[in-house]
Each structure stands twice: as C-alpha cells, then as structure tokens.
Amino acid sequence: MGGAFARHLLAAGFNVVGYDPVPATSRALAKAGGRPAGSCAEVAEGARIIITSLPSPAAMEEAFFGRDGIAAAARPGTIVIEASTMTLELKEGIRRRLARRGVHVLDCPISGTGAQAAARDIAVYASGDRRAFNRCRGAFDAFARSTYYCGKFGVGSKLKFVANLLVTIHNLSTAEAMVVGERSGLDPALLYRVISDGAGSSRMFQVRGPMMVKGRYTPAHMKSKIYQKDIDIIWAFVRRLKCPTPLFDASVPFYAAALRQGFAQEDTAAIHSVLRQRAGLRGSGIRPGRPGRNPRRITRKGR
C-alpha cells in the first residue's frame, strides 16, 4: 500500500520522503524519485502530511511511539493520515496521544487491495477533523480513485469493518461458485468470463476469480495471515454490537482452514483450494481433471 501511495504522489508532483524497515522498499522509493528516510522520526521531521499504512498493533506502536517514531519529531500542526485497518480503540488511543503534541490524526482506512492501490483504484473512508481533511484533499486525490469524508474520527473504521465483512463473504461466495462450476464440468475460465459480466458478479469475483481459475494465489493482493487480523477485528466489533452476522460467521472457518493448510503467505483467494479439496477435486483448477501445477498442495495427507 505505502509504495503505491508514494508512486502516485510522486507522479502528481508531490515531494515524498518515506520509511520502511525493508531495505528493498526504500530502494524502490529512491528509484521512483522519492527520498528514503532512516526512521519514522526522520519522515516526521521533513513532512507536514504523513501517511501510515501498517500491518499490526505492534508495528503501529513502534512507528508512532518507538524511540525513532513519529511522535519523537512531529511538529504541531502536522497531519497523520492513518490508513491501516485496526481496532477503534487502538486508533483512538493514538489520536489522543498525538493530540497532546498538537498533531492531528485522521482515521482513513482504505477499501481495496494492494494491486488496486497500484492502479489507483481504491477508496478512502476518511474521518476526523474536517479542516485537517481539507488540507489533505490534494494528497487523497493523487493516490485514490475516490475519497469520502465520513464524519467524526472512527466513522471511517466502522465503514471499513462493514466493507471487509462483505469482502470476507464475497470472497468465499466466489470460491464456492468456482468450485460448483468446476465440479459440474464447466471450464473455470469460461465460468469466470461469463459470470463476471452478469448479475451474479461482485468486485471480489472480478479481483480474485482469475487467481482461482489458475489455482495460483500469488502474488498476494492480501496475504491470508494478515487478513486474519482483519477478520478478528470484525469478529470483536460485531460481537460487541450483539448483531447477528450469519454469513460472516459461516465464512470464518474457511479462512482458518486455509491458514492450517499452509497458505499464510498466499492470497485469501486460497480458500478456493480449501473448497476444492472438500469437493474432491484435484489439480490446479485450470480445467476439470487437468493435472495442476502444484498438486502436492491439494492432495497431501491432512489437507
């Protein structure tokens, strides 16, 4: 996500300084015309608008409040566009702690995958101080297809939880449709081409259907291991609301099964493999009955 944001901002004429703990990512930023920094604090020293996109609560604590974190160097009036998917409690805690330093934090989760971010095909659900949001409008326009100002801090995250609830369900429904079609003797490539152009399609069908047709779940738009964090957040959120979520609840075990079967680093489309195995299908899924590129993954005992 962060690399995609940086490339689009550079293309729009912004000066971009960035930090990532992975050296290859910093080299990619330099190659694109940005300036790699040695720490989050160095980014905060040189930028009045900071975008954070982080994978875990531990990474957020380190990025914001570690020894060389944002809080160590951010000046009053700096705005942080916080684009991660995290709990409301965690984001609110960060907002309060930085507000004491005069730094504004906007809650701005992203709807879309890393591949969609690379194509500038994402939506931003922005919430927080309206004046701070207005100051960032040009930046949002540079890296997102659409940006919605949604209201007070936290509303953006609530909308993202709803969006991810639907993603969780639609991803499984795509896998289910693919497996039903293949089990009936349909060519998965034909199924994808025809269904994606009709009323039964969804955004997840269009994004992850091609991966399921090939039976290959890399490169990952969203790694299964990371998405489990999002599932856990939604689960806790809806439980607190005491709201029935029958389709989401029924979907969760299939993502857990994909992790157990070794797909942690592969895309969440890998739940397709879980369903294929349960349907007694073998091979890659390119055509019914055709040997797959990695049949070991499908047929190994216990999978």
Protein backbone atom coordinates (compact mmCIF):
# COMPACT_ATOMS: atom_id res chain seq x y z
CA MET A 1 0.00 0.00 0.00
CA GLY A 2 2.61 2.54 1.07
CA GLY A 3 4.73 2.02 -2.02
CA ALA A 4 1.70 2.52 -4.25
CA PHE A 5 0.76 5.73 -2.40
CA ALA A 6 4.30 7.04 -2.83
CA ARG A 7 4.44 6.36 -6.58
CA HIS A 8 1.12 8.10 -7.23
CA LEU A 9 2.07 11.09 -5.07
CA LEU A 10 5.38 11.43 -6.91
CA ALA A 11 3.58 11.26 -10.26
CA ALA A 12 1.27 14.05 -9.09
CA GLY A 13 4.23 16.29 -8.27
CA PHE A 14 4.49 15.85 -4.50
CA ASN A 15 7.84 15.64 -2.75
CA VAL A 16 7.82 12.28 -0.97
CA VAL A 17 10.03 11.10 1.88
CA GLY A 18 9.34 7.64 3.24
CA TYR A 19 10.49 4.94 5.61
CA ASP A 20 10.04 1.17 5.50
CA PRO A 21 12.04 -1.36 7.54
CA VAL A 22 12.50 -3.48 4.39
CA PRO A 23 15.56 -2.12 2.51
CA ALA A 24 14.23 -3.20 -0.89
CA THR A 25 11.19 -1.00 -0.38
CA SER A 26 13.37 2.01 0.38
CA ARG A 27 15.41 1.33 -2.75
CA ALA A 28 12.21 1.18 -4.79
CA LEU A 29 11.17 4.57 -3.39
CA ALA A 30 14.52 6.09 -4.39
CA LYS A 31 14.24 4.60 -7.88
CA ALA A 32 10.78 6.15 -8.25
CA GLY A 33 12.14 9.60 -7.33
CA GLY A 34 11.36 9.75 -3.61
CA ARG A 35 13.75 10.18 -0.69
CA PRO A 36 14.21 7.23 1.64
CA ALA A 37 14.45 8.10 5.33
CA GLY A 38 16.28 6.21 8.05
CA SER A 39 13.40 6.24 10.52
CA CYS A 40 9.82 7.33 11.12
CA ALA A 41 11.17 10.29 13.07
CA GLU A 42 13.13 11.44 10.02
CA VAL A 43 9.93 11.30 7.95
CA ALA A 44 8.13 13.39 10.58
CA GLU A 45 10.93 15.97 10.55
CA GLY A 46 10.54 16.53 6.82
CA ALA A 47 6.81 16.21 6.18
CA ARG A 48 3.72 18.15 7.23
CA ILE A 49 1.40 15.38 5.98
CA ILE A 50 2.31 11.82 6.95
CA ILE A 51 0.58 8.66 5.69
CA THR A 52 0.87 5.47 7.75
CA SER A 53 -0.11 2.03 6.45
CA LEU A 54 0.87 -0.64 8.97
CA PRO A 55 0.28 -4.38 9.37
CA SER A 56 -0.12 -4.88 13.13
CA PRO A 57 -0.67 -3.16 16.51
CA ALA A 58 2.99 -3.76 17.37
CA ALA A 59 4.10 -2.05 14.17
CA MET A 60 1.83 0.90 14.94
CA GLU A 61 3.24 1.33 18.44
CA GLU A 62 6.78 1.26 17.10
CA ALA A 63 6.06 3.59 14.17
CA PHE A 64 4.32 6.19 16.31
CA PHE A 65 5.91 5.95 19.74
CA GLY A 66 9.14 3.97 19.35
CA ARG A 67 12.48 5.60 20.06
CA ASP A 68 12.65 6.88 16.46
CA GLY A 69 8.90 7.13 15.97
CA ILE A 70 6.67 9.84 14.55
CA ALA A 71 5.89 11.32 17.97
CA ALA A 72 9.58 11.99 18.58
CA ALA A 73 9.81 14.53 15.76
CA ALA A 74 6.37 15.58 14.50
CA ARG A 75 5.75 19.32 14.78
CA PRO A 76 2.49 20.89 15.96
CA GLY A 77 0.09 21.17 13.05
CA THR A 78 1.36 18.01 11.34
CA ILE A 79 -1.41 15.77 9.98
CA VAL A 80 -1.23 11.98 10.03
CA ILE A 81 -3.41 10.10 7.55
CA GLU A 82 -3.74 6.75 9.34
CA ALA A 83 -4.70 4.27 6.60
CA SER A 84 -4.34 0.95 8.44
CA THR A 85 -7.17 -1.38 9.41
CA MET A 86 -7.03 -1.59 13.21
CA THR A 87 -9.41 -1.55 16.15
CA LEU A 88 -11.19 1.68 17.02
CA GLU A 89 -9.68 1.58 20.49
CA LEU A 90 -6.13 1.44 19.15
CA LYS A 91 -6.66 4.27 16.68
CA GLU A 92 -8.42 6.44 19.25
CA GLY A 93 -5.54 5.93 21.67
CA ILE A 94 -3.04 7.08 19.05
CA ARG A 95 -5.20 10.09 18.21
CA ARG A 96 -5.35 11.19 21.87
CA ARG A 97 -1.65 10.73 22.50
CA LEU A 98 -0.63 12.73 19.43
CA ALA A 99 -3.26 15.44 20.05
CA ARG A 100 -1.32 16.35 23.21
CA ARG A 101 1.58 17.24 20.90
CA GLY A 102 -0.59 19.30 18.56
CA VAL A 103 -0.58 16.62 15.85
CA HIS A 104 -3.86 15.81 14.05
CA VAL A 105 -4.64 12.17 13.25
CA LEU A 106 -7.25 11.28 10.63
CA ASP A 107 -8.81 7.81 10.57
CA CYS A 108 -8.64 6.89 6.87
CA PRO A 109 -8.84 3.16 6.15
CA ILE A 110 -8.59 2.03 2.55
CA SER A 111 -11.09 -0.04 0.59
CA GLY A 112 -9.14 -2.07 -1.95
CA THR A 113 -6.20 -4.44 -2.31
CA GLY A 114 -2.54 -3.69 -2.85
CA ALA A 115 -2.97 -4.39 -6.56
CA GLN A 116 -5.87 -1.94 -6.68
CA ALA A 117 -3.74 0.65 -4.88
CA ALA A 118 -1.06 0.22 -7.54
CA ALA A 119 -3.72 1.01 -10.18
CA ARG A 120 -5.09 3.95 -8.15
CA ASP A 121 -8.34 2.01 -7.83
CA ILE A 122 -9.01 2.41 -4.10
CA ALA A 123 -11.50 4.34 -2.00
CA VAL A 124 -10.60 6.22 1.18
CA TYR A 125 -13.03 6.35 4.10
CA ALA A 126 -11.77 9.49 5.84
CA SER A 127 -12.93 10.62 9.27
CA GLY A 128 -11.73 13.13 11.84
CA ASP A 129 -11.17 16.87 11.93
CA ARG A 130 -12.74 18.39 8.82
CA ARG A 131 -10.19 21.19 8.45
CA ALA A 132 -7.32 18.70 8.61
CA PHE A 133 -9.09 16.58 5.99
CA ASN A 134 -9.49 19.57 3.69
CA ARG A 135 -5.75 20.28 3.90
CA CYS A 136 -5.06 16.74 2.67
CA ARG A 137 -7.53 16.72 -0.20
CA GLY A 138 -4.89 17.07 -2.90
CA ALA A 139 -2.93 14.13 -1.49
CA PHE A 140 -6.02 11.93 -1.37
CA ASP A 141 -6.85 12.82 -4.96
CA ALA A 142 -3.34 11.81 -6.01
CA PHE A 143 -3.43 8.22 -4.72
CA ALA A 144 -7.13 7.25 -4.56
CA ARG A 145 -9.91 6.78 -7.10
CA SER A 146 -12.41 8.26 -4.64
CA THR A 147 -12.33 9.78 -1.16
CA TYR A 148 -15.28 10.10 1.19
CA TYR A 149 -15.32 12.41 4.18
CA CYS A 150 -17.41 10.34 6.58
CA GLY A 151 -17.62 12.42 9.76
CA LYS A 152 -16.09 12.25 13.22
CA PHE A 153 -13.00 10.21 13.98
CA GLY A 154 -13.73 6.47 13.89
CA VAL A 155 -16.58 6.51 11.39
CA GLY A 156 -14.13 5.60 8.63
CA SER A 157 -13.05 2.47 10.50
CA LYS A 158 -16.64 1.40 11.15
CA LEU A 159 -17.34 1.66 7.42
CA LYS A 160 -14.18 -0.35 6.69
CA PHE A 161 -15.34 -3.09 9.06
CA VAL A 162 -18.61 -3.31 7.13
CA ALA A 163 -16.74 -3.34 3.82
CA ASN A 164 -14.40 -6.11 5.00
CA LEU A 165 -17.33 -8.11 6.33
CA LEU A 166 -18.69 -8.10 2.77
CA VAL A 167 -15.26 -8.89 1.30
CA THR A 168 -15.00 -11.89 3.61
CA ILE A 169 -18.35 -13.20 2.42
CA HIS A 170 -17.95 -12.34 -1.27
CA ASN A 171 -14.51 -13.95 -1.45
CA LEU A 172 -15.96 -17.21 -0.14
CA SER A 173 -19.01 -16.96 -2.43
CA THR A 174 -16.62 -16.56 -5.38
CA ALA A 175 -14.69 -19.67 -4.36
CA GLU A 176 -17.95 -21.56 -3.85
CA ALA A 177 -19.24 -20.60 -7.29
CA MET A 178 -15.95 -21.59 -8.92
CA VAL A 179 -15.94 -25.00 -7.24
CA VAL A 180 -19.62 -25.70 -8.03
CA GLY A 181 -18.96 -24.83 -11.67
CA GLU A 182 -15.83 -26.94 -11.90
CA ARG A 183 -17.48 -29.87 -10.10
CA SER A 184 -20.28 -29.75 -12.69
CA GLY A 185 -17.77 -29.97 -15.53
CA LEU A 186 -17.52 -26.31 -16.52
CA ASP A 187 -14.23 -24.80 -17.65
CA PRO A 188 -13.34 -22.32 -14.83
CA ALA A 189 -12.01 -19.81 -17.37
CA LEU A 190 -15.33 -19.87 -19.22
CA LEU A 191 -17.23 -19.60 -15.95
CA TYR A 192 -15.23 -16.54 -14.92
CA ARG A 193 -15.61 -14.80 -18.28
CA VAL A 194 -19.38 -15.29 -18.45
CA ILE A 195 -20.36 -14.78 -14.79
CA SER A 196 -18.18 -11.70 -14.31
CA ASP A 197 -20.26 -9.94 -16.98
CA GLY A 198 -23.63 -10.76 -15.40
CA ALA A 199 -25.80 -10.11 -12.38
CA GLY A 200 -24.03 -12.75 -10.29
CA SER A 201 -20.70 -10.92 -10.33
CA SER A 202 -19.09 -8.97 -7.49
CA ARG A 203 -15.91 -6.95 -7.08
CA MET A 204 -14.29 -9.90 -5.31
CA PHE A 205 -15.35 -12.21 -8.14
CA GLN A 206 -13.61 -9.87 -10.58
CA VAL A 207 -10.48 -9.39 -8.44
CA ARG A 208 -9.93 -12.94 -7.16
CA GLY A 209 -11.73 -15.01 -9.77
CA PRO A 210 -8.69 -15.05 -12.10
CA MET A 211 -6.48 -16.40 -9.31
CA MET A 212 -8.98 -19.17 -8.65
CA VAL A 213 -9.18 -20.01 -12.35
CA LYS A 214 -5.41 -20.58 -12.37
CA GLY A 215 -5.32 -22.24 -8.96
CA ARG A 216 -2.42 -19.95 -8.06
CA TYR A 217 -2.77 -17.49 -5.20
CA THR A 218 0.41 -15.46 -5.64
CA PRO A 219 1.38 -12.70 -5.84
CA ALA A 220 -0.96 -11.95 -2.97
CA HIS A 221 -3.29 -8.95 -3.08
CA MET A 222 -3.88 -9.60 0.63
CA LYS A 223 -1.94 -12.31 2.44
CA SER A 224 -4.12 -14.75 4.36
CA LYS A 225 -2.08 -14.29 7.54
CA ILE A 226 -2.55 -10.52 7.52
CA TYR A 227 -6.24 -10.75 6.65
CA GLN A 228 -6.82 -12.93 9.70
CA LYS A 229 -6.14 -9.79 11.74
CA ASP A 230 -8.97 -8.04 9.88
CA ILE A 231 -11.32 -10.97 10.48
CA ASP A 232 -10.54 -10.88 14.19
CA ILE A 233 -11.27 -7.14 14.31
CA ILE A 234 -14.64 -7.57 12.60
CA TRP A 235 -15.50 -10.52 14.85
CA ALA A 236 -14.85 -8.48 18.01
CA PHE A 237 -16.69 -5.46 16.59
CA VAL A 238 -19.90 -7.32 15.74
CA ARG A 239 -19.83 -9.29 18.98
CA ARG A 240 -19.78 -6.04 20.96
CA LEU A 241 -22.75 -4.83 18.92
CA LYS A 242 -24.60 -8.10 19.65
CA CYS A 243 -25.52 -8.08 15.96
CA PRO A 244 -26.30 -11.31 14.06
CA THR A 245 -23.84 -11.96 11.22
CA PRO A 246 -24.73 -15.45 9.95
CA LEU A 247 -22.92 -15.27 6.61
CA PHE A 248 -19.75 -13.79 8.10
CA ASP A 249 -19.80 -16.39 10.90
CA ALA A 250 -20.14 -19.19 8.35
CA SER A 251 -17.24 -17.80 6.30
CA VAL A 252 -14.64 -17.53 9.06
CA PRO A 253 -13.76 -21.27 9.37
CA PHE A 254 -12.70 -21.45 5.73
CA TYR A 255 -10.06 -18.74 6.25
CA ALA A 256 -8.79 -20.57 9.32
CA ALA A 257 -8.59 -23.77 7.27
CA ALA A 258 -6.51 -22.01 4.62
CA LEU A 259 -4.02 -20.96 7.30
CA ARG A 260 -3.84 -24.50 8.68
CA GLN A 261 -3.18 -25.81 5.18
CA GLY A 262 -0.13 -23.60 4.71
CA PHE A 263 -1.49 -20.64 2.76
CA ALA A 264 -0.48 -17.94 5.27
CA GLN A 265 1.68 -16.05 2.77
CA GLU A 266 -0.70 -16.51 -0.16
CA ASP A 267 -3.75 -14.50 -1.11
CA THR A 268 -7.06 -15.03 0.66
CA ALA A 269 -8.25 -16.48 -2.65
CA ALA A 270 -6.61 -19.66 -1.31
CA ILE A 271 -9.91 -20.56 0.39
CA HIS A 272 -10.73 -21.78 -3.13
CA SER A 273 -8.23 -24.59 -2.55
CA VAL A 274 -9.96 -25.50 0.72
CA LEU A 275 -13.30 -25.88 -1.06
CA ARG A 276 -11.78 -27.78 -3.99
CA GLN A 277 -10.26 -30.31 -1.61
CA ARG A 278 -13.59 -30.77 0.17
CA ALA A 279 -15.29 -31.23 -3.19
CA GLY A 280 -12.83 -33.99 -4.11
CA LEU A 281 -11.25 -32.01 -6.95
CA ARG A 282 -7.59 -32.38 -7.85
CA GLY A 283 -5.11 -30.31 -9.82
CA SER A 284 -4.74 -26.58 -10.30
CA GLY A 285 -8.31 -25.77 -11.25
CA ILE A 286 -7.44 -24.59 -14.76
CA ARG A 287 -9.67 -27.26 -16.29
CA PRO A 288 -11.67 -30.07 -14.71
CA GLY A 289 -9.48 -33.14 -14.45
CA ARG A 290 -6.30 -31.46 -15.73
CA PRO A 291 -3.21 -32.05 -13.53
CA GLY A 292 -2.28 -28.94 -11.57
CA ARG A 293 0.94 -27.02 -11.23
CA ASN A 294 1.16 -27.90 -7.55
CA PRO A 295 -0.93 -30.99 -6.86
CA ARG A 296 1.06 -31.68 -3.67
CA ARG A 297 -0.67 -28.75 -2.02
CA ILE A 298 -4.09 -30.13 -2.89
CA THR A 299 -3.58 -33.81 -2.21
CA ARG A 300 -1.16 -34.03 0.70
CA LYS A 301 -2.49 -36.02 3.60
CA GLY A 302 -4.37 -33.87 6.10
CA ARG A 303 -5.26 -31.22 3.53
